[in-house]
Amino acid sequence: MESGWALEIRWFDTLESTQRYLVEALRSGALVAPVAVATRNQPGGIGSRQNRWLNQPGNLFFSFGLDRSQLPSDLPLQSVSIYMGFILVLQLRAMGSKLWLKWPNDLYVEDRKIGGVVTQLLAGHVVCGIGLNLIAPRSPFGALDIAIAPSKLLADYLESVTKTPLWKNLFSRFEIEFERSRGCHVHGKDGLLSLREAELNSDGSVTIESRRVYSER
């Protein structure tokens, strides 16, 4: 496992979708991992289940691509969104934020969603996209509760990612975090599923009524 590698960041005034742009650039060879693309204006962002993430200029939208060899050796691929989202949570909490991660990929401050994580697996690569509200949009969504320059937030976050903390170390802390998700519902193949009685498994999946459910994001 490689550790402490550098990750190039490319900023754009506007990108229709950082996720689509980076996926296409990696597939065509126009960009080489590890690399990140970022913007504060993303009109066509991708949300969970291929929904659109509402754009408000001034917020932060970015995607980054890694070689799979740059992930920690013990990270289950189905839990990359949990892993990447929780690194961000821990980073911003250390600065005084009350940010938390709702299983498996939604970012919340108190009871308002302020962002999310979407992951795609390519041949030899992982592409992770994160949208984060820095400016409060219309209700019911919220915004980050601390002031931080987007460039610093992104640089600090990606530096944390390059340190490749082990999954087992993050998961031991996420087990406590998961208790906040128990009053929530998530979308499953058969509709909404309650997390109230869910059991969190060591690979990041949950067991609900004897059925194992994995993140589809």
C-alpha atoms as a PDB file:
ATOM      1  CA  MET A   1       0.000   0.000   0.000  1.00  0.00           C
ATOM      2  CA  GLU A   2       1.347   3.385  -1.050  1.00  0.00           C
ATOM      3  CA  SER A   3       1.230   6.163   1.539  1.00  0.00           C
ATOM      4  CA  GLY A   4       1.811   9.892   1.498  1.00  0.00           C
ATOM      5  CA  TRP A   5       1.599  10.233  -2.311  1.00  0.00           C
ATOM      6  CA  ALA A   6       0.779  13.575  -3.908  1.00  0.00           C
ATOM      7  CA  LEU A   7      -2.605  14.281  -5.476  1.00  0.00           C
ATOM      8  CA  GLU A   8      -2.947  16.992  -8.125  1.00  0.00           C
ATOM      9  CA  ILE A   9      -5.946  19.356  -7.815  1.00  0.00           C
ATOM     10  CA  ARG A  10      -7.414  21.095 -10.859  1.00  0.00           C
ATOM     11  CA  TRP A  11      -9.926  23.907 -10.226  1.00  0.00           C
ATOM     12  CA  PHE A  12     -12.552  24.990 -12.766  1.00  0.00           C
ATOM     13  CA  ASP A  13     -14.864  28.007 -12.792  1.00  0.00           C
ATOM     14  CA  THR A  14     -17.737  25.700 -13.788  1.00  0.00           C
ATOM     15  CA  LEU A  15     -18.089  21.993 -14.473  1.00  0.00           C
ATOM     16  CA  GLU A  16     -21.367  20.404 -15.459  1.00  0.00           C
ATOM     17  CA  SER A  17     -20.415  17.423 -13.289  1.00  0.00           C
ATOM     18  CA  THR A  18     -17.033  16.839 -11.666  1.00  0.00           C
ATOM     19  CA  GLN A  19     -17.819  13.121 -11.507  1.00  0.00           C
ATOM     20  CA  ARG A  20     -18.664  12.715 -15.182  1.00  0.00           C
ATOM     21  CA  TYR A  21     -15.756  14.910 -16.246  1.00  0.00           C
ATOM     22  CA  LEU A  22     -13.217  12.941 -14.239  1.00  0.00           C
ATOM     23  CA  VAL A  23     -14.557   9.518 -15.222  1.00  0.00           C
ATOM     24  CA  GLU A  24     -14.363  10.449 -18.909  1.00  0.00           C
ATOM     25  CA  ALA A  25     -10.894  12.000 -18.496  1.00  0.00           C
ATOM     26  CA  LEU A  26      -9.518   8.906 -16.771  1.00  0.00           C
ATOM     27  CA  ARG A  27     -11.038   6.577 -19.361  1.00  0.00           C
ATOM     28  CA  SER A  28      -9.623   8.606 -22.252  1.00  0.00           C
ATOM     29  CA  GLY A  29      -6.222   9.082 -20.643  1.00  0.00           C
ATOM     30  CA  ALA A  30      -6.585  12.877 -20.578  1.00  0.00           C
ATOM     31  CA  LEU A  31      -5.943  12.738 -16.817  1.00  0.00           C
ATOM     32  CA  VAL A  32      -3.959  10.225 -14.792  1.00  0.00           C
ATOM     33  CA  ALA A  33      -4.740   9.181 -11.212  1.00  0.00           C
ATOM     34  CA  PRO A  34      -4.250  10.294  -8.541  1.00  0.00           C
ATOM     35  CA  VAL A  35      -5.984  13.530  -9.487  1.00  0.00           C
ATOM     36  CA  ALA A  36      -8.886  15.719  -8.332  1.00  0.00           C
ATOM     37  CA  VAL A  37     -11.123  18.207 -10.137  1.00  0.00           C
ATOM     38  CA  ALA A  38     -13.109  20.839  -8.248  1.00  0.00           C
ATOM     39  CA  THR A  39     -15.518  23.700  -8.838  1.00  0.00           C
ATOM     40  CA  ARG A  40     -17.888  25.998  -6.964  1.00  0.00           C
ATOM     41  CA  ASN A  41     -20.488  25.842  -9.732  1.00  0.00           C
ATOM     42  CA  GLN A  42     -21.814  22.462 -10.880  1.00  0.00           C
ATOM     43  CA  PRO A  43     -25.146  22.634 -12.749  1.00  0.00           C
ATOM     44  CA  GLY A  44     -25.440  18.889 -13.493  1.00  0.00           C
ATOM     45  CA  GLY A  45     -24.067  17.165 -10.416  1.00  0.00           C
ATOM     46  CA  ILE A  46     -24.825  13.514  -9.673  1.00  0.00           C
ATOM     47  CA  GLY A  47     -26.514  12.569  -6.416  1.00  0.00           C
ATOM     48  CA  SER A  48     -27.489   9.218  -4.957  1.00  0.00           C
ATOM     49  CA  ARG A  49     -29.235   6.739  -7.267  1.00  0.00           C
ATOM     50  CA  GLN A  50     -28.317   8.962 -10.248  1.00  0.00           C
ATOM     51  CA  ASN A  51     -30.452  11.824  -8.918  1.00  0.00           C
ATOM     52  CA  ARG A  52     -29.230  15.364  -9.483  1.00  0.00           C
ATOM     53  CA  TRP A  53     -27.485  17.163  -6.647  1.00  0.00           C
ATOM     54  CA  LEU A  54     -28.957  20.657  -6.368  1.00  0.00           C
ATOM     55  CA  ASN A  55     -26.447  23.262  -7.447  1.00  0.00           C
ATOM     56  CA  GLN A  56     -25.903  26.599  -5.779  1.00  0.00           C
ATOM     57  CA  PRO A  57     -22.893  28.582  -6.976  1.00  0.00           C
ATOM     58  CA  GLY A  58     -20.477  29.145  -4.105  1.00  0.00           C
ATOM     59  CA  ASN A  59     -20.715  25.642  -2.669  1.00  0.00           C
ATOM     60  CA  LEU A  60     -17.981  23.036  -3.100  1.00  0.00           C
ATOM     61  CA  PHE A  61     -18.117  20.180  -5.588  1.00  0.00           C
ATOM     62  CA  PHE A  62     -15.199  17.887  -6.295  1.00  0.00           C
ATOM     63  CA  SER A  63     -14.258  14.433  -7.506  1.00  0.00           C
ATOM     64  CA  PHE A  64     -10.996  12.587  -7.185  1.00  0.00           C
ATOM     65  CA  GLY A  65      -9.647   9.462  -8.798  1.00  0.00           C
ATOM     66  CA  LEU A  66      -7.265   6.977  -7.236  1.00  0.00           C
ATOM     67  CA  ASP A  67      -5.619   3.799  -8.402  1.00  0.00           C
ATOM     68  CA  ARG A  68      -7.153   0.936  -6.452  1.00  0.00           C
ATOM     69  CA  SER A  69      -3.666   0.183  -5.139  1.00  0.00           C
ATOM     70  CA  GLN A  70      -3.810   3.533  -3.315  1.00  0.00           C
ATOM     71  CA  LEU A  71      -6.716   2.408  -1.147  1.00  0.00           C
ATOM     72  CA  PRO A  72      -5.967   0.767   2.213  1.00  0.00           C
ATOM     73  CA  SER A  73      -5.534  -2.972   1.819  1.00  0.00           C
ATOM     74  CA  ASP A  74      -8.356  -3.776   4.258  1.00  0.00           C
ATOM     75  CA  LEU A  75     -11.004  -1.462   2.738  1.00  0.00           C
ATOM     76  CA  PRO A  76     -14.095  -3.300   1.373  1.00  0.00           C
ATOM     77  CA  LEU A  77     -14.827  -1.726  -2.018  1.00  0.00           C
ATOM     78  CA  GLN A  78     -18.541  -1.503  -1.275  1.00  0.00           C
ATOM     79  CA  SER A  79     -17.721   0.829   1.624  1.00  0.00           C
ATOM     80  CA  VAL A  80     -15.516   3.378  -0.145  1.00  0.00           C
ATOM     81  CA  SER A  81     -18.220   6.050   0.246  1.00  0.00           C
ATOM     82  CA  ILE A  82     -18.382   5.457   4.008  1.00  0.00           C
ATOM     83  CA  TYR A  83     -14.599   5.550   4.254  1.00  0.00           C
ATOM     84  CA  MET A  84     -14.143   8.755   2.232  1.00  0.00           C
ATOM     85  CA  GLY A  85     -17.112  10.494   3.830  1.00  0.00           C
ATOM     86  CA  PHE A  86     -16.006   9.705   7.355  1.00  0.00           C
ATOM     87  CA  ILE A  87     -12.482  11.023   6.732  1.00  0.00           C
ATOM     88  CA  LEU A  88     -14.111  14.353   5.845  1.00  0.00           C
ATOM     89  CA  VAL A  89     -16.319  14.220   8.932  1.00  0.00           C
ATOM     90  CA  LEU A  90     -13.361  13.669  11.240  1.00  0.00           C
ATOM     91  CA  GLN A  91     -11.374  16.449   9.573  1.00  0.00           C
ATOM     92  CA  LEU A  92     -14.129  19.043   9.955  1.00  0.00           C
ATOM     93  CA  ARG A  93     -15.097  17.935  13.458  1.00  0.00           C
ATOM     94  CA  ALA A  94     -11.530  18.643  14.539  1.00  0.00           C
ATOM     95  CA  MET A  95     -12.197  22.229  13.426  1.00  0.00           C
ATOM     96  CA  GLY A  96     -15.381  22.532  15.487  1.00  0.00           C
ATOM     97  CA  SER A  97     -18.064  21.356  13.061  1.00  0.00           C
ATOM     98  CA  LYS A  98     -20.967  19.129  14.141  1.00  0.00           C
ATOM     99  CA  LEU A  99     -20.909  17.298  10.819  1.00  0.00           C
ATOM    100  CA  TRP A 100     -21.906  13.620  10.889  1.00  0.00           C
ATOM    101  CA  LEU A 101     -22.266  10.808   8.364  1.00  0.00           C
ATOM    102  CA  LYS A 102     -25.619   9.106   7.919  1.00  0.00           C
ATOM    103  CA  TRP A 103     -25.141   5.560   6.660  1.00  0.00           C
ATOM    104  CA  PRO A 104     -23.934   5.094   4.018  1.00  0.00           C
ATOM    105  CA  ASN A 105     -23.105   8.360   2.238  1.00  0.00           C
ATOM    106  CA  ASP A 106     -25.080  11.407   3.402  1.00  0.00           C
ATOM    107  CA  LEU A 107     -23.457  14.331   5.216  1.00  0.00           C
ATOM    108  CA  TYR A 108     -25.547  16.058   7.881  1.00  0.00           C
ATOM    109  CA  VAL A 109     -25.317  18.911  10.347  1.00  0.00           C
ATOM    110  CA  GLU A 110     -27.907  18.199  13.035  1.00  0.00           C
ATOM    111  CA  ASP A 111     -31.052  17.152  11.116  1.00  0.00           C
ATOM    112  CA  ARG A 112     -30.249  18.839   7.792  1.00  0.00           C
ATOM    113  CA  LYS A 113     -28.478  17.220   4.883  1.00  0.00           C
ATOM    114  CA  ILE A 114     -25.607  19.367   3.635  1.00  0.00           C
ATOM    115  CA  GLY A 115     -23.874  17.043   1.199  1.00  0.00           C
ATOM    116  CA  GLY A 116     -23.147  13.552   0.053  1.00  0.00           C
ATOM    117  CA  VAL A 117     -20.621  11.104  -1.361  1.00  0.00           C
ATOM    118  CA  VAL A 118     -20.900   9.151  -4.613  1.00  0.00           C
ATOM    119  CA  THR A 119     -18.389   6.495  -5.663  1.00  0.00           C
ATOM    120  CA  GLN A 120     -17.784   4.747  -8.980  1.00  0.00           C
ATOM    121  CA  LEU A 121     -15.500   1.778  -9.578  1.00  0.00           C
ATOM    122  CA  LEU A 122     -13.635   1.784 -12.870  1.00  0.00           C
ATOM    123  CA  ALA A 123     -11.107  -0.683 -14.238  1.00  0.00           C
ATOM    124  CA  GLY A 124      -8.181  -0.154 -11.898  1.00  0.00           C
ATOM    125  CA  HIS A 125      -9.565   3.083 -10.459  1.00  0.00           C
ATOM    126  CA  VAL A 126     -11.945   4.434  -7.860  1.00  0.00           C
ATOM    127  CA  VAL A 127     -13.642   7.797  -8.484  1.00  0.00           C
ATOM    128  CA  CYS A 128     -15.203   9.526  -5.494  1.00  0.00           C
ATOM    129  CA  GLY A 129     -17.362  12.636  -5.776  1.00  0.00           C
ATOM    130  CA  ILE A 130     -18.390  14.892  -2.893  1.00  0.00           C
ATOM    131  CA  GLY A 131     -20.807  17.811  -2.874  1.00  0.00           C
ATOM    132  CA  LEU A 132     -20.852  20.052   0.187  1.00  0.00           C
ATOM    133  CA  ASN A 133     -23.079  23.032   0.907  1.00  0.00           C
ATOM    134  CA  LEU A 134     -21.059  25.976   2.169  1.00  0.00           C
ATOM    135  CA  ILE A 135     -23.988  28.338   1.571  1.00  0.00           C
ATOM    136  CA  ALA A 136     -27.420  27.349   2.884  1.00  0.00           C
ATOM    137  CA  PRO A 137     -29.797  26.556  -0.003  1.00  0.00           C
ATOM    138  CA  ARG A 138     -33.550  26.451   0.287  1.00  0.00           C
ATOM    139  CA  SER A 139     -35.077  24.244   2.996  1.00  0.00           C
ATOM    140  CA  PRO A 140     -34.884  21.366   3.915  1.00  0.00           C
ATOM    141  CA  PHE A 141     -31.143  21.380   3.203  1.00  0.00           C
ATOM    142  CA  GLY A 142     -28.510  23.003   5.382  1.00  0.00           C
ATOM    143  CA  ALA A 143     -24.916  24.203   5.137  1.00  0.00           C
ATOM    144  CA  LEU A 144     -21.592  23.605   6.825  1.00  0.00           C
ATOM    145  CA  ASP A 145     -21.568  25.167  10.282  1.00  0.00           C
ATOM    146  CA  ILE A 146     -17.978  26.468  10.263  1.00  0.00           C
ATOM    147  CA  ALA A 147     -16.223  28.989   8.035  1.00  0.00           C
ATOM    148  CA  ILE A 148     -13.376  27.589   5.934  1.00  0.00           C
ATOM    149  CA  ALA A 149     -11.989  28.517   2.524  1.00  0.00           C
ATOM    150  CA  PRO A 150     -12.970  25.883  -0.069  1.00  0.00           C
ATOM    151  CA  SER A 151      -9.373  25.571  -1.311  1.00  0.00           C
ATOM    152  CA  LYS A 152      -8.098  24.863   2.203  1.00  0.00           C
ATOM    153  CA  LEU A 153     -10.926  22.441   2.969  1.00  0.00           C
ATOM    154  CA  LEU A 154     -10.184  20.457  -0.175  1.00  0.00           C
ATOM    155  CA  ALA A 155      -6.398  20.494   0.202  1.00  0.00           C
ATOM    156  CA  ASP A 156      -6.560  19.393   3.844  1.00  0.00           C
ATOM    157  CA  TYR A 157      -9.105  16.681   3.072  1.00  0.00           C
ATOM    158  CA  LEU A 158      -7.142  15.184   0.179  1.00  0.00           C
ATOM    159  CA  GLU A 159      -3.975  15.250   2.272  1.00  0.00           C
ATOM    160  CA  SER A 160      -5.857  13.154   4.856  1.00  0.00           C
ATOM    161  CA  VAL A 161      -6.940  10.744   2.122  1.00  0.00           C
ATOM    162  CA  THR A 162      -3.353  10.278   0.927  1.00  0.00           C
ATOM    163  CA  LYS A 163      -2.366   9.098   4.396  1.00  0.00           C
ATOM    164  CA  THR A 164      -4.566   6.011   3.722  1.00  0.00           C
ATOM    165  CA  PRO A 165      -5.804   5.336   7.259  1.00  0.00           C
ATOM    166  CA  LEU A 166      -6.783   1.700   7.701  1.00  0.00           C
ATOM    167  CA  TRP A 167     -10.453   0.786   7.397  1.00  0.00           C
ATOM    168  CA  LYS A 168     -10.413  -1.064  10.726  1.00  0.00           C
ATOM    169  CA  ASN A 169      -9.274   2.090  12.532  1.00  0.00           C
ATOM    170  CA  LEU A 170     -11.927   4.315  10.957  1.00  0.00           C
ATOM    171  CA  PHE A 171     -14.617   1.659  11.308  1.00  0.00           C
ATOM    172  CA  SER A 172     -14.094   1.402  15.074  1.00  0.00           C
ATOM    173  CA  ARG A 173     -15.059   5.078  15.284  1.00  0.00           C
ATOM    174  CA  PHE A 174     -17.841   4.827  12.696  1.00  0.00           C
ATOM    175  CA  GLU A 175     -19.544   2.131  14.778  1.00  0.00           C
ATOM    176  CA  ILE A 176     -20.282   4.858  17.340  1.00  0.00           C
ATOM    177  CA  GLU A 177     -21.301   7.269  14.568  1.00  0.00           C
ATOM    178  CA  PHE A 178     -23.756   4.724  13.179  1.00  0.00           C
ATOM    179  CA  GLU A 179     -26.009   5.067  16.213  1.00  0.00           C
ATOM    180  CA  ARG A 180     -27.073   8.490  14.886  1.00  0.00           C
ATOM    181  CA  SER A 181     -28.485   6.784  11.783  1.00  0.00           C
ATOM    182  CA  ARG A 182     -30.926   4.601  13.703  1.00  0.00           C
ATOM    183  CA  GLY A 183     -33.787   7.058  13.437  1.00  0.00           C
ATOM    184  CA  CYS A 184     -33.299   7.282   9.676  1.00  0.00           C
ATOM    185  CA  HIS A 185     -34.409   5.448   6.556  1.00  0.00           C
ATOM    186  CA  VAL A 186     -32.405   4.532   3.468  1.00  0.00           C
ATOM    187  CA  HIS A 187     -33.410   3.564  -0.041  1.00  0.00           C
ATOM    188  CA  GLY A 188     -33.211  -0.144  -0.779  1.00  0.00           C
ATOM    189  CA  LYS A 189     -34.163  -2.151  -3.849  1.00  0.00           C
ATOM    190  CA  ASP A 190     -37.646  -2.663  -2.401  1.00  0.00           C
ATOM    191  CA  GLY A 191     -38.210   0.883  -1.162  1.00  0.00           C
ATOM    192  CA  LEU A 192     -37.395   2.663   2.074  1.00  0.00           C
ATOM    193  CA  LEU A 193     -35.695   0.649   4.814  1.00  0.00           C
ATOM    194  CA  SER A 194     -35.578   1.616   8.477  1.00  0.00           C
ATOM    195  CA  LEU A 195     -32.186   1.552  10.201  1.00  0.00           C
ATOM    196  CA  ARG A 196     -33.748   1.434  13.675  1.00  0.00           C
ATOM    197  CA  GLU A 197     -32.995  -2.264  14.247  1.00  0.00           C
ATOM    198  CA  ALA A 198     -30.173  -2.574  11.724  1.00  0.00           C
ATOM    199  CA  GLU A 199     -26.935  -4.331  12.632  1.00  0.00           C
ATOM    200  CA  LEU A 200     -23.765  -2.748  11.264  1.00  0.00           C
ATOM    201  CA  ASN A 201     -21.341  -5.335   9.889  1.00  0.00           C
ATOM    202  CA  SER A 202     -17.556  -5.055   9.817  1.00  0.00           C
ATOM    203  CA  ASP A 203     -17.503  -4.623   6.015  1.00  0.00           C
ATOM    204  CA  GLY A 204     -19.754  -1.554   6.259  1.00  0.00           C
ATOM    205  CA  SER A 205     -22.941  -3.310   5.188  1.00  0.00           C
ATOM    206  CA  VAL A 206     -26.002  -3.544   7.445  1.00  0.00           C
ATOM    207  CA  THR A 207     -28.261  -6.452   8.276  1.00  0.00           C
ATOM    208  CA  ILE A 208     -31.972  -5.616   8.327  1.00  0.00           C
ATOM    209  CA  GLU A 209     -34.466  -8.380   9.097  1.00  0.00           C
ATOM    210  CA  SER A 210     -31.877 -11.085   8.337  1.00  0.00           C
ATOM    211  CA  ARG A 211     -31.057  -9.472   4.992  1.00  0.00           C
ATOM    212  CA  ARG A 212     -27.633  -7.992   4.284  1.00  0.00           C
ATOM    213  CA  VAL A 213     -27.826  -4.578   2.629  1.00  0.00           C
ATOM    214  CA  TYR A 214     -24.870  -2.899   0.940  1.00  0.00           C
ATOM    215  CA  SER A 215     -24.358   0.666  -0.086  1.00  0.00           C
ATOM    216  CA  GLU A 216     -25.420   1.215  -3.707  1.00  0.00           C
ATOM    217  CA  ARG A 217     -23.634   4.552  -3.940  1.00  0.00           C
END
